Protein backbone atom coordinates (compact mmCIF):
# COMPACT_ATOMS: atom_id res chain seq x y z
CA MET A 1 190.79 -6.43 11.70
CA GLU A 2 187.34 -8.35 10.97
CA LEU A 3 187.43 -9.54 14.51
CA LEU A 4 187.23 -6.12 15.62
CA TYR A 5 184.60 -4.84 13.07
CA ASN A 6 183.09 -7.58 14.87
CA PHE A 7 182.88 -6.64 17.84
CA PHE A 8 182.30 -3.53 17.65
CA SER A 9 179.42 -3.24 14.42
CA SER A 10 175.68 -4.97 14.66
CA GLY A 11 176.13 -6.72 12.18
CA ASN A 12 173.20 -8.93 11.32
CA PHE A 13 171.36 -8.81 14.70
CA ILE A 14 168.55 -6.88 16.01
CA PRO A 15 169.09 -4.83 18.05
CA HIS A 16 168.07 -5.94 22.29
CA GLY A 17 164.50 -3.01 22.36
CA HIS A 18 162.77 -5.68 19.84
CA CYS A 19 162.60 -8.27 22.44
CA TYR A 20 160.18 -5.93 24.30
CA LEU A 21 158.38 -4.40 21.79
CA TRP A 22 159.97 -1.37 21.59
CA LYS A 23 156.77 -0.34 24.67
CA PRO A 24 158.13 2.66 26.16
CA GLU A 25 157.41 1.56 30.15
CA LEU A 26 158.48 -1.93 29.61
CA VAL A 27 162.17 0.00 27.88
CA TRP A 28 162.53 2.59 29.96
CA LEU A 29 161.99 -0.57 32.82
CA HIS A 30 165.08 -2.22 32.34
CA ILE A 31 167.31 0.99 31.50
CA LEU A 32 166.35 2.32 34.72
CA ALA A 33 167.15 -0.91 36.21
CA ASP A 34 170.33 -2.31 34.77
CA THR A 35 171.73 1.86 35.17
CA LEU A 36 170.60 1.79 38.66
CA ILE A 37 172.23 -1.32 39.18
CA ALA A 38 175.37 -0.32 36.77
CA LEU A 39 175.77 3.21 39.81
CA SER A 40 175.21 1.15 42.30
CA TYR A 41 178.12 -1.50 41.63
CA TYR A 42 180.36 1.61 39.99
CA SER A 43 180.00 3.03 43.59
CA ILE A 44 181.46 -0.32 46.38
CA PRO A 45 184.48 -0.82 44.38
CA LEU A 46 185.73 3.63 44.98
CA THR A 47 183.76 2.96 48.95
CA LEU A 48 186.23 -1.09 48.65
CA ILE A 49 189.50 1.42 48.24
CA TYR A 50 188.83 4.39 49.81
CA PHE A 51 187.90 1.68 52.82
CA VAL A 52 191.19 0.15 52.03
CA ARG A 53 193.42 2.58 51.93
CA LYS A 54 192.37 4.37 55.53
CA ARG A 55 193.46 1.10 56.71
CA ASP A 56 196.89 0.23 56.26
CA ASP A 57 196.15 -2.76 58.41
CA ILE A 58 193.77 -5.23 56.76
CA PRO A 59 194.31 -7.90 56.05
CA PHE A 60 192.86 -9.91 52.81
CA LYS A 61 193.91 -6.95 50.73
CA VAL A 62 194.25 -8.74 47.60
CA ILE A 63 190.81 -10.27 47.93
CA PHE A 64 189.14 -6.06 47.86
CA LEU A 65 190.64 -5.41 45.16
CA LEU A 66 189.68 -8.77 43.66
CA PHE A 67 186.47 -8.32 44.45
CA GLY A 68 185.95 -4.57 43.42
CA ALA A 69 187.32 -5.64 39.81
CA PHE A 70 184.07 -8.32 40.24
CA ILE A 71 181.76 -5.54 40.90
CA ILE A 72 182.85 -3.72 38.24
CA SER A 73 183.17 -5.64 35.13
CA CYS A 74 179.76 -6.64 36.68
CA GLY A 75 177.89 -3.22 36.48
CA THR A 76 179.77 -2.55 32.74
CA THR A 77 177.76 -5.67 31.79
CA HIS A 78 174.68 -4.04 33.34
CA LEU A 79 175.88 -0.75 30.68
CA MET A 80 175.88 -3.15 28.40
CA GLU A 81 172.14 -4.15 28.32
CA VAL A 82 171.35 -0.76 28.50
CA TRP A 83 173.61 -0.49 24.90
CA THR A 84 172.33 -3.37 22.86
CA LEU A 85 168.77 -2.14 23.82
CA TRP A 86 169.39 0.19 20.71
CA HIS A 87 172.92 -1.04 19.23
CA PRO A 88 173.14 -4.84 18.84
CA VAL A 89 177.27 -5.17 20.23
CA TYR A 90 176.29 -9.05 21.17
CA TRP A 91 180.07 -9.60 20.08
CA LEU A 92 181.04 -6.87 22.99
CA SER A 93 178.22 -8.20 25.26
CA GLY A 94 179.65 -11.46 25.09
CA ALA A 95 182.58 -10.25 25.48
CA MET A 96 182.26 -8.60 28.40
CA LYS A 97 180.20 -11.16 30.59
CA ALA A 98 182.73 -13.54 29.57
CA ILE A 99 185.87 -10.83 30.96
CA THR A 100 182.77 -11.40 34.36
CA ALA A 101 183.24 -14.84 34.60
CA ILE A 102 186.85 -14.71 34.97
CA ILE A 103 186.82 -12.49 37.20
CA SER A 104 184.51 -13.79 38.92
CA LEU A 105 186.02 -17.25 38.80
CA TYR A 106 189.58 -16.33 40.35
CA THR A 107 187.81 -14.33 42.49
CA ALA A 108 185.71 -17.21 43.98
CA ILE A 109 188.73 -19.44 44.09
CA THR A 110 191.33 -17.38 45.66
CA LEU A 111 188.35 -16.10 48.68
CA ILE A 112 188.48 -20.61 48.76
CA PRO A 113 191.67 -21.23 50.91
CA LEU A 114 191.36 -17.77 52.67
CA VAL A 115 188.63 -18.61 54.32
CA PRO A 116 190.34 -20.48 57.55
CA GLN A 117 192.74 -17.76 57.94
CA ALA A 118 189.22 -15.30 57.73
CA LEU A 119 187.55 -17.49 61.06
CA ALA A 120 190.68 -17.58 62.62
CA LEU A 121 190.71 -13.67 63.01
CA PRO A 122 189.62 -12.67 66.40
CA SER A 123 185.42 -11.94 66.38
CA PRO A 124 184.05 -8.86 67.87
CA ALA A 125 182.97 -10.81 70.42
CA GLN A 126 186.99 -12.26 70.87
CA LEU A 127 187.86 -8.32 70.37
CA GLU A 128 185.86 -7.07 72.82
CA ALA A 129 186.47 -9.62 75.40
CA ALA A 130 189.81 -8.90 75.22
CA TYR A 131 189.14 -5.58 75.69
CA MET A 132 187.84 -6.22 78.93
CA ALA A 133 190.43 -7.49 79.75
CA LEU A 134 193.71 -5.58 78.99
CA LYS A 135 190.81 -3.12 80.89
CA ASP A 136 190.92 -4.98 84.50
CA GLU A 137 194.64 -6.19 83.65
CA ASN A 138 195.19 -3.01 83.19
CA ALA A 139 192.91 -1.44 86.16
CA GLU A 140 194.82 -4.37 87.85
CA ARG A 141 198.08 -3.08 86.79
CA GLN A 142 197.26 0.57 88.69
CA ARG A 143 196.32 -1.36 92.06
CA VAL A 144 199.71 -3.16 91.96
CA GLU A 145 201.35 0.08 91.02
CA GLN A 146 199.90 1.86 94.09
CA GLU A 147 200.35 -0.74 96.56
CA LEU A 148 204.25 -1.10 95.64
CA ARG A 149 204.15 2.33 96.17
CA LYS A 150 202.90 1.38 99.68
CA TYR A 151 205.57 -1.22 100.08
CA LYS A 152 208.11 1.22 98.81
CA GLU A 153 207.61 3.32 101.32
CA THR A 154 207.39 0.25 103.43
CA LEU A 155 210.66 -1.32 102.71
CA GLU A 156 212.89 2.59 103.00
CA GLU A 157 211.17 2.69 106.71
CA LEU A 158 212.35 -1.51 106.94
CA VAL A 159 215.94 -0.93 105.10
CA GLU A 160 216.44 1.81 107.90
CA GLN A 161 215.45 -0.42 110.82
CA ARG A 162 217.59 -2.86 109.07
CA THR A 163 220.21 -1.15 108.96
CA ALA A 164 220.24 -0.09 112.64
CA GLU A 165 219.90 -4.22 112.89
CA LEU A 166 222.78 -5.28 110.91
CA ALA A 167 225.39 -2.91 112.25
CA LYS A 168 224.34 -4.12 116.16
CA THR A 169 224.74 -7.78 113.97
CA ASN A 170 228.37 -6.50 112.52
CA GLU A 171 229.35 -6.04 116.29
CA GLN A 172 228.89 -8.68 117.91
CA LEU A 173 229.99 -10.79 114.97
CA GLN A 174 233.37 -8.76 115.25
CA GLN A 175 233.31 -9.94 118.81
CA GLU A 176 232.55 -12.99 118.90
CA ILE A 177 234.85 -14.11 115.24
CA ILE A 178 237.47 -12.23 118.59
CA GLN A 179 236.10 -14.99 121.18
CA ARG A 180 236.24 -17.83 117.72
CA GLN A 181 239.78 -16.93 117.61
CA GLN A 182 240.42 -16.56 121.36
CA SER A 183 238.33 -20.57 120.75
CA GLN A 184 241.02 -21.33 117.65
CA GLU A 185 244.11 -21.16 119.89
CA THR A 186 242.65 -23.06 122.43
CA MET A 187 241.56 -25.72 120.26
CA ALA A 188 245.02 -25.37 118.46
CA GLU A 189 247.37 -25.82 121.66
CA LEU A 190 244.40 -28.69 122.27
CA LEU A 191 244.85 -30.60 119.86
CA LYS A 192 248.44 -30.21 120.37
CA ALA A 193 248.30 -31.70 123.02
CA VAL A 194 246.23 -34.86 122.05
CA LYS A 195 248.85 -35.76 119.02
CA SER A 196 251.90 -35.60 122.08
CA ALA A 197 249.60 -38.01 124.10
CA ASN A 198 248.48 -40.42 120.93
CA LYS A 199 252.08 -40.56 120.28
CA ASP A 200 252.91 -40.54 124.02
CA LEU A 201 250.49 -42.92 124.63
CA ASN A 202 251.75 -45.31 120.92
CA ASP A 203 255.29 -45.17 122.29
CA PHE A 204 253.52 -47.16 125.43
CA ALA A 205 252.34 -49.43 123.88
CA TYR A 206 254.78 -49.84 121.83
CA VAL A 207 257.67 -50.48 124.94
CA VAL A 208 255.63 -52.62 126.99
CA SER A 209 254.50 -54.72 124.17
CA HIS A 210 257.85 -54.70 124.24
CA ASP A 211 259.18 -55.13 127.62
CA LEU A 212 256.41 -57.91 128.30
CA LYS A 213 256.75 -59.85 125.17
CA ALA A 214 261.17 -60.29 126.04
CA PRO A 215 260.23 -61.80 129.11
CA LEU A 216 257.41 -63.80 127.79
CA ARG A 217 259.46 -65.38 125.15
CA GLY A 218 261.60 -66.15 127.79
CA ILE A 219 258.93 -67.58 130.28
CA SER A 220 257.59 -69.35 127.49
CA SER A 221 261.61 -70.51 126.43
CA LEU A 222 261.86 -72.41 129.89
CA SER A 223 258.84 -73.62 130.46
CA GLU A 224 259.50 -75.57 127.22
CA TRP A 225 262.84 -76.86 128.20
CA LEU A 226 261.66 -77.59 130.99
CA LEU A 227 258.66 -79.86 130.52
CA SER A 228 261.33 -80.53 126.96
CA ASP A 229 264.22 -81.86 129.69
CA TYR A 230 262.49 -82.85 132.97
CA GLY A 231 259.62 -83.79 131.97
CA GLU A 232 259.94 -87.17 132.89
CA GLN A 233 261.19 -86.32 136.91
CA PHE A 234 257.15 -84.70 136.78
CA ASP A 235 254.84 -86.41 137.74
CA ASP A 236 251.25 -86.06 135.83
CA GLU A 237 250.26 -82.52 137.50
CA GLY A 238 253.23 -80.98 137.49
CA GLN A 239 253.31 -81.45 133.98
CA GLU A 240 249.80 -80.16 133.97
CA LEU A 241 250.05 -77.25 135.52
CA ILE A 242 253.42 -77.06 132.86
CA THR A 243 251.30 -77.88 130.02
CA LEU A 244 249.39 -74.91 131.88
CA LEU A 245 252.06 -71.99 131.72
CA ILE A 246 253.25 -72.38 128.51
CA SER A 247 249.49 -71.73 127.34
CA ARG A 248 248.50 -69.34 129.67
CA VAL A 249 251.83 -66.90 128.34
CA LYS A 250 251.07 -67.83 124.72
CA LYS A 251 247.51 -65.99 125.39
CA MET A 252 249.37 -63.17 127.76
CA TYR A 253 251.51 -62.95 124.12
CA ALA A 254 247.94 -63.21 121.89
CA LEU A 255 246.89 -60.49 124.36
CA ILE A 256 249.73 -57.98 124.40
CA ASP A 257 249.20 -58.71 120.33
CA GLY A 258 246.04 -57.92 120.11
CA ILE A 259 245.87 -55.00 122.33
CA LEU A 260 249.20 -53.08 119.91
CA GLN A 261 246.94 -53.61 117.28
CA TYR A 262 244.01 -52.06 118.53
CA SER A 263 245.60 -49.03 119.49
CA ARG A 264 247.93 -49.12 116.23
CA ALA A 265 244.15 -49.92 114.49
CA GLY A 266 243.78 -45.82 114.48
CA SER A 267 246.50 -43.88 114.13
CA TYR A 268 248.54 -46.33 111.87
CA ARG A 269 248.41 -45.21 108.23
CA GLU A 270 249.23 -47.31 105.90
CA GLU A 271 249.64 -46.32 101.95
CA LYS A 272 245.66 -47.23 100.14
CA THR A 273 245.90 -49.11 96.77
CA GLN A 274 243.99 -51.16 94.69
CA VAL A 275 243.28 -54.52 96.95
CA ASN A 276 241.16 -56.83 95.22
CA LEU A 277 239.54 -59.00 97.92
CA ASN A 278 238.98 -62.52 96.17
CA ASP A 279 242.78 -63.04 96.74
CA VAL A 280 243.00 -61.16 100.57
CA VAL A 281 240.35 -63.53 101.33
CA ARG A 282 242.41 -66.67 100.32
CA ASP A 283 245.27 -65.79 101.47
CA VAL A 284 243.62 -65.35 105.26
CA ILE A 285 242.32 -69.01 104.44
CA ASP A 286 245.55 -70.65 103.67
CA LEU A 287 246.87 -68.81 107.05
CA LEU A 288 243.80 -69.84 109.53
CA ALA A 289 244.46 -72.95 107.89
CA PRO A 290 241.37 -74.18 108.69
CA PRO A 291 240.60 -77.60 110.46
CA GLU A 292 239.34 -80.71 107.14
CA ASN A 293 235.99 -80.60 108.29
CA ILE A 294 235.68 -77.02 108.02
CA GLN A 295 234.23 -75.91 104.83
CA ILE A 296 234.89 -71.72 103.56
CA GLU A 297 232.35 -71.52 101.03
CA ILE A 298 232.59 -67.48 98.70
CA THR A 299 229.37 -67.99 97.02
CA SER A 300 229.89 -64.89 94.74
CA THR A 301 232.13 -62.55 93.26
CA LEU A 302 234.25 -60.30 96.19
CA PRO A 303 234.89 -56.26 94.53
CA ILE A 304 238.22 -54.58 93.85
CA ILE A 305 238.32 -51.72 96.74
CA ILE A 306 240.41 -49.20 97.36
CA ALA A 307 242.03 -49.97 101.39
CA GLU A 308 244.65 -50.22 103.20
CA THR A 309 245.51 -54.15 102.63
CA THR A 310 247.26 -54.65 106.20
CA ARG A 311 243.41 -53.51 107.54
CA ILE A 312 241.19 -55.13 104.84
CA LYS A 313 243.00 -58.60 105.29
CA GLN A 314 243.06 -57.97 109.58
CA ILE A 315 238.60 -58.23 109.06
CA PHE A 316 238.21 -61.37 107.57
CA GLN A 317 241.14 -63.53 109.69
CA ASN A 318 239.29 -61.80 112.89
CA LEU A 319 236.14 -62.84 111.97
CA LEU A 320 236.75 -65.60 109.82
CA SER A 321 238.88 -67.17 112.75
CA ASN A 322 235.91 -66.45 115.04
CA ALA A 323 234.00 -68.39 112.58
CA ILE A 324 236.28 -71.33 112.90
CA LYS A 325 236.73 -70.99 116.90
CA PHE A 326 233.07 -71.81 117.66
CA ILE A 327 232.20 -74.59 115.11
CA ASP A 328 230.91 -77.22 117.51
CA LYS A 329 228.84 -79.73 114.89
CA PRO A 330 231.27 -82.69 113.64
CA GLU A 331 230.65 -81.01 110.38
CA GLY A 332 231.66 -77.02 109.63
CA GLN A 333 230.26 -74.66 106.70
CA ILE A 334 231.38 -71.03 106.86
CA ILE A 335 229.64 -68.40 103.76
CA ILE A 336 231.37 -65.11 102.79
CA ASN A 337 229.02 -63.34 101.00
CA CYS A 338 229.07 -60.14 99.06
CA THR A 339 225.93 -57.52 97.97
CA GLU A 340 226.52 -54.87 96.42
CA ASN A 341 223.75 -51.52 97.78
CA ASN A 342 223.72 -47.42 96.16
CA ASN A 343 227.25 -46.23 97.26
CA TYR A 344 228.40 -48.88 99.49
CA TRP A 345 229.35 -53.35 99.29
CA GLN A 346 227.79 -54.57 101.99
CA PHE A 347 229.72 -58.89 103.33
CA SER A 348 228.84 -61.46 105.06
CA ILE A 349 230.52 -64.26 107.13
CA ALA A 350 228.28 -66.85 108.00
CA ASP A 351 228.83 -70.27 110.25
CA ASN A 352 227.10 -72.86 111.86
CA GLY A 353 228.68 -72.37 114.98
CA SER A 354 226.97 -72.57 118.48
CA GLY A 355 225.44 -69.76 118.24
CA ILE A 356 224.72 -66.67 119.81
CA GLU A 357 222.34 -64.61 122.70
CA GLU A 358 220.71 -61.38 121.79
CA LYS A 359 221.59 -59.53 124.96
CA TYR A 360 225.37 -60.02 123.46
CA PHE A 361 225.48 -58.59 120.38
CA THR A 362 226.25 -55.89 121.32
CA LYS A 363 228.52 -56.83 124.16
CA ILE A 364 231.31 -58.54 122.05
CA PHE A 365 232.59 -55.79 120.38
CA GLN A 366 233.18 -54.38 122.93
CA ILE A 367 236.90 -54.28 123.69
CA PHE A 368 238.38 -56.88 125.96
CA GLN A 369 234.58 -58.16 126.30
CA LYS A 370 234.23 -62.15 125.87
CA LEU A 371 231.86 -64.90 126.26
CA SER A 372 233.60 -67.92 127.51
CA ASN A 373 235.25 -67.76 130.54
CA ASP A 374 237.32 -71.01 130.01
CA ASP A 375 240.69 -70.35 131.10
CA ASN A 376 242.18 -72.54 128.41
CA SER A 377 240.05 -70.47 125.54
CA ASP A 378 242.96 -68.58 123.37
CA SER A 379 240.16 -66.08 122.98
CA THR A 380 241.33 -62.66 123.91
CA GLY A 381 238.02 -60.73 123.27
CA ILE A 382 239.89 -58.21 121.18
CA GLY A 383 239.14 -59.77 117.65
CA LEU A 384 235.43 -57.90 117.33
CA SER A 385 236.43 -54.94 118.63
CA LEU A 386 239.85 -54.36 116.43
CA VAL A 387 237.20 -55.24 113.26
CA LYS A 388 234.00 -53.21 114.87
CA LYS A 389 236.92 -49.72 114.49
CA ILE A 390 238.78 -50.58 111.46
CA VAL A 391 235.21 -50.85 109.42
CA GLU A 392 234.13 -47.02 111.19
CA LEU A 393 237.13 -46.31 110.03
CA TYR A 394 236.46 -46.59 106.63
CA GLY A 395 232.48 -44.80 107.64
CA GLY A 396 230.35 -48.15 107.72
CA THR A 397 229.34 -49.98 110.43
CA VAL A 398 228.77 -53.52 111.29
CA TRP A 399 225.99 -56.24 112.99
CA VAL A 400 225.83 -59.69 113.88
CA GLU A 401 222.32 -61.85 113.14
CA SER A 402 222.42 -65.55 115.49
CA GLU A 403 220.57 -68.19 117.21
CA VAL A 404 221.84 -70.43 119.75
CA GLY A 405 222.78 -73.44 118.53
CA GLN A 406 222.07 -72.52 114.88
CA GLY A 407 224.97 -70.50 113.81
CA SER A 408 226.36 -66.86 113.42
CA LYS A 409 226.05 -64.23 110.19
CA PHE A 410 228.24 -60.98 110.81
CA PHE A 411 227.84 -58.52 108.90
CA PHE A 412 229.78 -55.06 108.07
CA THR A 413 229.89 -52.19 105.17
CA LEU A 414 232.52 -50.91 103.24
CA LYS A 415 232.05 -47.52 100.75
CA LYS A 416 232.64 -48.20 97.12
C-alpha cells in the first residue's frame, strides 16, 4: 500500500513546472507539444486497428498490435509529461516509461525474425509485373480459345471427311480380309504340299542312302577279300587298282553319309538340353584322335549352352577334322577359343595349316565345293556346308580368315 501510495503521491518532489520557472510561454509550449504528440500517437493505433480489421489477408497481424501498444504507451508518457508540470508523480511517470521500454524491446525482438519474411513478400513492382503477366496470359488464353473454336469447326469438317474415308477404307479392308483368307488357305495347301515333299525327300534320302550303302559294303568287302586272298597273284598295278577301288568305295560311303547328315540337319529335331562345350570338345578330340605331331589347345573356358548335343558335336567335329586334315607342317597346332559378346558367344578354331586363298572364302561353305581336286582326298565337300547350315539354324553366322601358308581361322557365333 505504501508503494502504491508513493506511485500516486507527490511526496517531497516539486512539479516539473518549476524547472521552467513557470514561464507561461515555455509551459504552454511543452503542454501543446506533448498533447499533440499524445493525440497523434493515439490516432495511429486506431488507424492500424481499422486497417487490420479491413484486411483479413494482411500478414504479421501480431506486429501491428505490438506497434499499436508501443505507440499508445509512448503517447501516454507524453501525457504524463503534461501532468507532472503541476503534479510531481515521478514514480508513476517512470513506471509508464518502463512499461513503454518493455513493450518497445519486445516489439524490436519480435520484429527481427520477421524482417526476412517481410523481405520475401513481393514488392509492388513485382506484383505489377505479375499482374501484367497475368493480363498477357489472359489475353493469350482468349486468343487460344478463339483459335480452338476455329479448330473445332475445322475438326468437325475433318471428322465428317475422315468418316467417309474410313467407311471407304473399311470396305476395302473387308475385301482385303477376304483375299487374305483366300491367300492363307492357298498357303496352307502349299505348306501341306511342302511338308509332304520334305517327307518324301527325307524318305528318298534314307532309301537312297540305305540302298546305296548295301552294295557299297558288298563291293568294299569283296575288294578287301580279293586283296587279302588273291593279293599275291596280282602284280603291282593290280594291287594298286584294288586299293584304289577300296578307297573310292570308302569315299562314296562317306559322301552318302554326308548327304544324309545334310538333309537331316533342317528336319531332324533332338531335345535341347544343357550342353557343356568343354566336355563336348574333349569328346570330339578323343574321337578324331589327332596325330602326335598335332597339338590341340583350348585357351578359354567354354560355356554351357542350351542346344542339341548331336548338332553341336557336328560343328566342332567338322571344323577340327578339317583343321587336322590340312595341316602340312611337321608341328601342327590348333587353338580353340571363345569370347563373350552382348547376346552371343563367338567361337574360333585356328590352325597353322596350308591356308586358303581369299577368293575361296565363300565357295568353301557351299555344298560339294572343295579346294582339292585330288581323287585320293577323302574330302566330300559337305562338312563346312553342314556347319554353316547348323549355325544358321541357331541364328548364328560362320566365316573364315586365312592367309596362304600361314593357316586358317574359322569363326562362328551362337546366341546365348
